[in-house]
Every structure is written in structure tokens, then in C-alpha cells.
Amino acid sequence: MLFNKTKNKRIMGRVRVAATSWNKLKGLMFENRERFDYALVFPLPRESTLQATIHMLFVFFPIDVVYLNKNKRVVDIVRSLQPFTPSYTPKKPSKFFIELPAGKTNGIELGDELSW
């Protein structure tokens, strides 16, 4: 479960962690919108902006993305990132980022602490 500890609110019931190189490489490419009913968490080796850069190539629907620092505090939020966006780099270094169905970041704010 993805949970906003700051607001004591459940965000998503299901969470998947992209733990392998393949999972990180594939991300949501070629995923079916109807099957995307989970939060996809990407842990990074260290806090970085460049390693947290993502693309939307071969992702056929908009998503929301939340970037977190090493303390799991929100440092950037992208709402409705559009399909085939060539790249997005977070505004601040991130240790984690979470891809969510569009609209699921409503109520999440910078500085909120998330857990899974």
C-alpha cells in the first residue's frame, strides 16, 4: 500500500517495486492503461536528478510521477505527464520516484512523507 504519512491517507492499494534492471528499463512501456492500477516505485542507487530522469516513450497514457528524497519526502510532483514525452528531470535530487495513474497525486504536496 502507498500511504501519505503526513496526511494519514491511503494513496494506492497496490505497490510494485522496480527492483531489477529489466523492471527499471521497461517501466510502464507497452503497459495497458486498464491494468495500471498500482503504484510503481523506482529505488535509485543514490539521490540524483540525472538518474531520476524518465521518458514516456511507448507509454500510451498520461501518468502522475512523485519524486522523493532519501527520507521519502516529496521533492517534485508531475501531474498528467503525457505519452511520448521525451524526458523529464526532477527539480531536486531524488532517491525514489513513483509512477501512478493520472489523478492519483491529488492531495499530495511538496514535503509530504510517503511510505510503502
N, C-alpha and C. Protein backbone atom coordinates (compact mmCIF):
# COMPACT_ATOMS: atom_id res chain seq x y z
N MET A 1 0.85 -1.18 0.00
CA MET A 1 0.00 0.00 0.00
C MET A 1 0.89 1.24 0.00
N LEU A 2 0.53 2.23 -0.81
CA LEU A 2 1.21 3.52 -0.82
C LEU A 2 0.40 4.45 0.08
N PHE A 3 1.11 5.07 1.05
CA PHE A 3 0.44 5.82 2.10
C PHE A 3 1.11 7.18 2.29
N ASN A 4 0.29 8.22 2.43
CA ASN A 4 0.79 9.56 2.74
C ASN A 4 0.78 9.69 4.26
N LYS A 5 1.96 9.56 4.88
CA LYS A 5 2.07 9.61 6.34
C LYS A 5 1.76 11.01 6.87
N THR A 6 2.07 12.03 6.12
CA THR A 6 1.83 13.41 6.55
C THR A 6 0.33 13.68 6.69
N LYS A 7 -0.43 13.17 5.75
CA LYS A 7 -1.88 13.44 5.75
C LYS A 7 -2.69 12.25 6.25
N ASN A 8 -1.99 11.17 6.65
CA ASN A 8 -2.66 9.97 7.14
C ASN A 8 -3.72 9.48 6.15
N LYS A 9 -3.27 9.33 4.88
CA LYS A 9 -4.20 9.00 3.80
C LYS A 9 -3.61 7.93 2.88
N ARG A 10 -4.41 6.94 2.54
CA ARG A 10 -4.02 5.90 1.59
C ARG A 10 -4.09 6.47 0.18
N ILE A 11 -3.03 6.23 -0.62
CA ILE A 11 -3.00 6.73 -1.99
C ILE A 11 -3.35 5.62 -2.97
N MET A 12 -2.71 4.46 -2.83
CA MET A 12 -2.95 3.31 -3.71
C MET A 12 -2.89 2.03 -2.88
N GLY A 13 -3.73 1.08 -3.22
CA GLY A 13 -3.75 -0.20 -2.51
C GLY A 13 -2.62 -1.13 -2.90
N ARG A 14 -2.23 -1.09 -4.17
CA ARG A 14 -1.19 -2.00 -4.67
C ARG A 14 0.08 -1.23 -5.01
N VAL A 15 1.22 -1.82 -4.68
CA VAL A 15 2.52 -1.23 -4.99
C VAL A 15 3.41 -2.31 -5.60
N ARG A 16 4.11 -1.94 -6.66
CA ARG A 16 5.14 -2.79 -7.24
C ARG A 16 6.45 -2.02 -7.18
N VAL A 17 7.53 -2.72 -6.88
CA VAL A 17 8.84 -2.10 -6.84
C VAL A 17 9.64 -2.58 -8.05
N ALA A 18 10.15 -1.64 -8.82
CA ALA A 18 11.01 -1.97 -9.97
C ALA A 18 12.41 -2.25 -9.42
N ALA A 19 12.63 -3.48 -8.99
CA ALA A 19 13.86 -3.82 -8.29
C ALA A 19 14.96 -4.33 -9.22
N THR A 20 14.58 -4.91 -10.35
CA THR A 20 15.58 -5.47 -11.26
C THR A 20 15.90 -4.47 -12.37
N SER A 21 17.02 -4.68 -13.02
CA SER A 21 17.39 -3.82 -14.14
C SER A 21 16.34 -3.85 -15.24
N TRP A 22 15.79 -5.04 -15.51
CA TRP A 22 14.75 -5.17 -16.54
C TRP A 22 13.51 -4.38 -16.15
N ASN A 23 13.06 -4.51 -14.88
CA ASN A 23 11.88 -3.77 -14.43
C ASN A 23 12.09 -2.26 -14.55
N LYS A 24 13.29 -1.81 -14.21
CA LYS A 24 13.60 -0.38 -14.30
C LYS A 24 13.64 0.08 -15.76
N LEU A 25 14.20 -0.74 -16.62
CA LEU A 25 14.28 -0.40 -18.04
C LEU A 25 12.89 -0.36 -18.67
N LYS A 26 12.08 -1.36 -18.39
CA LYS A 26 10.75 -1.47 -19.00
C LYS A 26 9.77 -0.44 -18.43
N GLY A 27 9.78 -0.27 -17.12
CA GLY A 27 8.84 0.67 -16.50
C GLY A 27 7.42 0.39 -16.96
N LEU A 28 6.76 1.40 -17.51
CA LEU A 28 5.38 1.25 -17.99
C LEU A 28 5.29 1.15 -19.50
N MET A 29 6.43 0.98 -20.18
CA MET A 29 6.37 0.86 -21.64
C MET A 29 5.50 -0.33 -22.02
N PHE A 30 4.61 -0.10 -22.95
CA PHE A 30 3.69 -1.10 -23.50
C PHE A 30 2.66 -1.61 -22.49
N GLU A 31 2.56 -0.99 -21.33
CA GLU A 31 1.56 -1.39 -20.33
C GLU A 31 0.18 -0.98 -20.83
N ASN A 32 -0.82 -1.75 -20.47
CA ASN A 32 -2.22 -1.46 -20.79
C ASN A 32 -2.78 -0.54 -19.71
N ARG A 33 -3.41 0.54 -20.11
CA ARG A 33 -3.95 1.51 -19.15
C ARG A 33 -4.89 0.85 -18.13
N GLU A 34 -5.71 -0.08 -18.57
CA GLU A 34 -6.67 -0.73 -17.67
C GLU A 34 -5.97 -1.60 -16.62
N ARG A 35 -4.78 -2.10 -16.93
CA ARG A 35 -4.06 -2.95 -15.98
C ARG A 35 -3.19 -2.14 -15.02
N PHE A 36 -3.03 -0.85 -15.29
CA PHE A 36 -2.20 0.01 -14.44
C PHE A 36 -3.03 0.53 -13.27
N ASP A 37 -3.16 -0.33 -12.26
CA ASP A 37 -3.95 0.01 -11.07
C ASP A 37 -3.08 -0.11 -9.82
N TYR A 38 -1.82 0.29 -9.94
CA TYR A 38 -0.84 0.15 -8.86
C TYR A 38 0.13 1.33 -8.92
N ALA A 39 0.89 1.49 -7.85
CA ALA A 39 1.98 2.46 -7.81
C ALA A 39 3.25 1.71 -8.16
N LEU A 40 4.04 2.25 -9.08
CA LEU A 40 5.30 1.62 -9.48
C LEU A 40 6.45 2.45 -8.91
N VAL A 41 7.16 1.85 -7.93
CA VAL A 41 8.23 2.54 -7.20
C VAL A 41 9.58 2.18 -7.82
N PHE A 42 10.37 3.20 -8.08
CA PHE A 42 11.73 3.02 -8.62
C PHE A 42 12.73 3.50 -7.56
N PRO A 43 13.43 2.57 -6.89
CA PRO A 43 14.51 3.00 -5.99
C PRO A 43 15.77 3.26 -6.81
N LEU A 44 16.48 4.31 -6.45
CA LEU A 44 17.71 4.67 -7.16
C LEU A 44 18.92 4.42 -6.25
N PRO A 45 20.10 4.20 -6.84
CA PRO A 45 21.28 3.92 -6.02
C PRO A 45 21.65 5.06 -5.07
N ARG A 46 21.40 6.31 -5.51
CA ARG A 46 21.68 7.47 -4.67
C ARG A 46 20.79 8.63 -5.13
N GLU A 47 20.72 9.65 -4.32
CA GLU A 47 19.94 10.83 -4.70
C GLU A 47 20.59 11.48 -5.92
N SER A 48 19.78 11.78 -6.91
CA SER A 48 20.30 12.34 -8.15
C SER A 48 19.14 12.95 -8.93
N THR A 49 19.47 13.92 -9.77
CA THR A 49 18.46 14.41 -10.71
C THR A 49 18.60 13.64 -12.02
N LEU A 50 19.83 13.44 -12.47
CA LEU A 50 20.03 12.77 -13.76
C LEU A 50 19.58 11.32 -13.74
N GLN A 51 19.89 10.58 -12.67
CA GLN A 51 19.46 9.18 -12.62
C GLN A 51 17.95 9.04 -12.45
N ALA A 52 17.30 10.11 -12.03
CA ALA A 52 15.84 10.09 -11.87
C ALA A 52 15.11 10.60 -13.10
N THR A 53 15.83 10.93 -14.16
CA THR A 53 15.20 11.40 -15.40
C THR A 53 14.43 10.24 -16.03
N ILE A 54 13.22 10.53 -16.46
CA ILE A 54 12.39 9.49 -17.08
C ILE A 54 11.95 9.95 -18.47
N HIS A 55 11.43 9.01 -19.23
CA HIS A 55 10.83 9.30 -20.53
C HIS A 55 9.48 8.59 -20.59
N MET A 56 8.67 8.98 -21.56
CA MET A 56 7.35 8.39 -21.73
C MET A 56 7.23 7.70 -23.09
N LEU A 57 8.37 7.32 -23.67
CA LEU A 57 8.32 6.62 -24.96
C LEU A 57 7.65 5.26 -24.78
N PHE A 58 6.71 4.97 -25.63
CA PHE A 58 5.94 3.73 -25.62
C PHE A 58 5.08 3.55 -24.36
N VAL A 59 4.78 4.66 -23.71
CA VAL A 59 3.75 4.69 -22.65
C VAL A 59 2.59 5.43 -23.30
N PHE A 60 1.44 4.77 -23.39
CA PHE A 60 0.35 5.25 -24.24
C PHE A 60 -0.75 6.01 -23.50
N PHE A 61 -0.49 6.42 -22.27
CA PHE A 61 -1.50 7.14 -21.48
C PHE A 61 -0.76 8.05 -20.50
N PRO A 62 -1.40 9.14 -20.06
CA PRO A 62 -0.75 10.04 -19.10
C PRO A 62 -0.63 9.39 -17.72
N ILE A 63 0.41 9.78 -17.00
CA ILE A 63 0.62 9.29 -15.63
C ILE A 63 1.02 10.47 -14.74
N ASP A 64 0.95 10.24 -13.44
CA ASP A 64 1.48 11.17 -12.45
C ASP A 64 2.78 10.57 -11.92
N VAL A 65 3.74 11.42 -11.57
CA VAL A 65 5.01 10.95 -11.02
C VAL A 65 5.34 11.78 -9.78
N VAL A 66 5.73 11.07 -8.72
CA VAL A 66 6.14 11.73 -7.48
C VAL A 66 7.60 11.38 -7.24
N TYR A 67 8.41 12.40 -6.98
CA TYR A 67 9.83 12.22 -6.68
C TYR A 67 10.06 12.43 -5.20
N LEU A 68 10.86 11.53 -4.60
CA LEU A 68 11.11 11.57 -3.15
C LEU A 68 12.60 11.61 -2.86
N ASN A 69 12.97 12.26 -1.78
CA ASN A 69 14.36 12.25 -1.35
C ASN A 69 14.64 11.00 -0.51
N LYS A 70 15.84 10.91 0.06
CA LYS A 70 16.22 9.72 0.82
C LYS A 70 15.35 9.51 2.06
N ASN A 71 14.70 10.56 2.54
CA ASN A 71 13.80 10.46 3.71
C ASN A 71 12.36 10.20 3.30
N LYS A 72 12.15 9.91 2.02
CA LYS A 72 10.83 9.65 1.44
C LYS A 72 9.89 10.85 1.55
N ARG A 73 10.49 12.03 1.46
CA ARG A 73 9.72 13.27 1.43
C ARG A 73 9.61 13.73 -0.02
N VAL A 74 8.43 14.20 -0.40
CA VAL A 74 8.16 14.62 -1.78
C VAL A 74 8.96 15.88 -2.10
N VAL A 75 9.76 15.80 -3.19
CA VAL A 75 10.55 16.94 -3.64
C VAL A 75 10.10 17.48 -5.00
N ASP A 76 9.28 16.70 -5.71
CA ASP A 76 8.75 17.14 -7.00
C ASP A 76 7.53 16.29 -7.34
N ILE A 77 6.58 16.89 -8.02
CA ILE A 77 5.37 16.18 -8.46
C ILE A 77 5.10 16.59 -9.91
N VAL A 78 4.84 15.60 -10.75
CA VAL A 78 4.46 15.87 -12.13
C VAL A 78 3.07 15.27 -12.31
N ARG A 79 2.13 16.11 -12.66
CA ARG A 79 0.76 15.63 -12.86
C ARG A 79 0.48 15.53 -14.35
N SER A 80 -0.09 14.42 -14.74
CA SER A 80 -0.51 14.18 -16.12
C SER A 80 0.64 14.32 -17.12
N LEU A 81 1.74 13.61 -16.85
CA LEU A 81 2.85 13.57 -17.80
C LEU A 81 2.35 12.84 -19.05
N GLN A 82 2.50 13.47 -20.18
CA GLN A 82 1.86 13.00 -21.41
C GLN A 82 2.65 11.89 -22.12
N PRO A 83 1.93 11.00 -22.82
CA PRO A 83 2.59 9.94 -23.59
C PRO A 83 3.63 10.52 -24.55
N PHE A 84 4.71 9.76 -24.71
CA PHE A 84 5.80 10.07 -25.63
C PHE A 84 6.55 11.36 -25.30
N THR A 85 6.43 11.85 -24.04
CA THR A 85 7.29 12.95 -23.60
C THR A 85 8.72 12.44 -23.64
N PRO A 86 9.63 13.14 -24.32
CA PRO A 86 10.99 12.60 -24.49
C PRO A 86 11.78 12.49 -23.20
N SER A 87 11.59 13.42 -22.25
CA SER A 87 12.28 13.27 -20.96
C SER A 87 11.73 14.28 -19.96
N TYR A 88 11.85 13.90 -18.69
CA TYR A 88 11.53 14.79 -17.59
C TYR A 88 12.58 14.56 -16.51
N THR A 89 13.21 15.63 -16.06
CA THR A 89 14.19 15.57 -14.98
C THR A 89 13.61 16.29 -13.77
N PRO A 90 13.66 15.66 -12.60
CA PRO A 90 13.07 16.31 -11.42
C PRO A 90 13.82 17.59 -11.05
N LYS A 91 13.12 18.47 -10.37
CA LYS A 91 13.68 19.75 -9.97
C LYS A 91 14.73 19.62 -8.87
N LYS A 92 14.63 18.56 -8.06
CA LYS A 92 15.57 18.33 -6.97
C LYS A 92 16.04 16.88 -7.01
N PRO A 93 17.22 16.60 -6.43
CA PRO A 93 17.72 15.22 -6.39
C PRO A 93 16.72 14.29 -5.71
N SER A 94 16.60 13.09 -6.26
CA SER A 94 15.62 12.11 -5.77
C SER A 94 16.28 10.76 -5.56
N LYS A 95 15.85 10.07 -4.52
CA LYS A 95 16.30 8.71 -4.23
C LYS A 95 15.27 7.68 -4.72
N PHE A 96 14.03 8.13 -4.85
CA PHE A 96 12.92 7.29 -5.32
C PHE A 96 12.04 8.13 -6.24
N PHE A 97 11.40 7.46 -7.19
CA PHE A 97 10.27 8.10 -7.86
C PHE A 97 9.18 7.05 -8.01
N ILE A 98 7.95 7.53 -8.05
CA ILE A 98 6.78 6.64 -8.08
C ILE A 98 5.89 7.06 -9.23
N GLU A 99 5.60 6.11 -10.12
CA GLU A 99 4.68 6.35 -11.23
C GLU A 99 3.30 5.87 -10.81
N LEU A 100 2.31 6.72 -11.04
CA LEU A 100 0.92 6.46 -10.61
C LEU A 100 -0.05 6.75 -11.74
N PRO A 101 -1.23 6.13 -11.70
CA PRO A 101 -2.26 6.52 -12.66
C PRO A 101 -2.57 8.02 -12.53
N ALA A 102 -2.84 8.67 -13.64
CA ALA A 102 -3.14 10.10 -13.63
C ALA A 102 -4.27 10.40 -12.65
N GLY A 103 -4.08 11.44 -11.86
CA GLY A 103 -5.08 11.86 -10.88
C GLY A 103 -4.82 11.35 -9.48
N LYS A 104 -3.94 10.38 -9.33
CA LYS A 104 -3.70 9.79 -8.01
C LYS A 104 -2.80 10.63 -7.11
N THR A 105 -2.21 11.71 -7.65
CA THR A 105 -1.39 12.58 -6.81
C THR A 105 -2.20 13.72 -6.21
N ASN A 106 -3.49 13.77 -6.51
CA ASN A 106 -4.33 14.81 -5.92
C ASN A 106 -4.23 14.72 -4.40
N GLY A 107 -3.91 15.82 -3.76
CA GLY A 107 -3.78 15.83 -2.31
C GLY A 107 -2.35 15.63 -1.82
N ILE A 108 -1.44 15.21 -2.70
CA ILE A 108 -0.04 15.08 -2.32
C ILE A 108 0.62 16.45 -2.56
N GLU A 109 1.43 16.88 -1.60
CA GLU A 109 2.10 18.17 -1.70
C GLU A 109 3.58 18.02 -1.44
N LEU A 110 4.37 19.00 -1.89
CA LEU A 110 5.80 19.01 -1.61
C LEU A 110 6.01 18.94 -0.10
N GLY A 111 6.95 18.11 0.31
CA GLY A 111 7.26 17.95 1.73
C GLY A 111 6.52 16.81 2.42
N ASP A 112 5.45 16.30 1.79
CA ASP A 112 4.73 15.16 2.38
C ASP A 112 5.65 13.96 2.47
N GLU A 113 5.48 13.14 3.50
CA GLU A 113 6.24 11.90 3.66
C GLU A 113 5.37 10.73 3.23
N LEU A 114 5.89 9.92 2.30
CA LEU A 114 5.15 8.76 1.81
C LEU A 114 5.82 7.47 2.31
N SER A 115 5.05 6.39 2.36
CA SER A 115 5.59 5.08 2.73
C SER A 115 4.90 4.00 1.92
N TRP A 116 5.57 2.87 1.81
CA TRP A 116 5.02 1.70 1.13
C TRP A 116 5.52 0.46 1.78
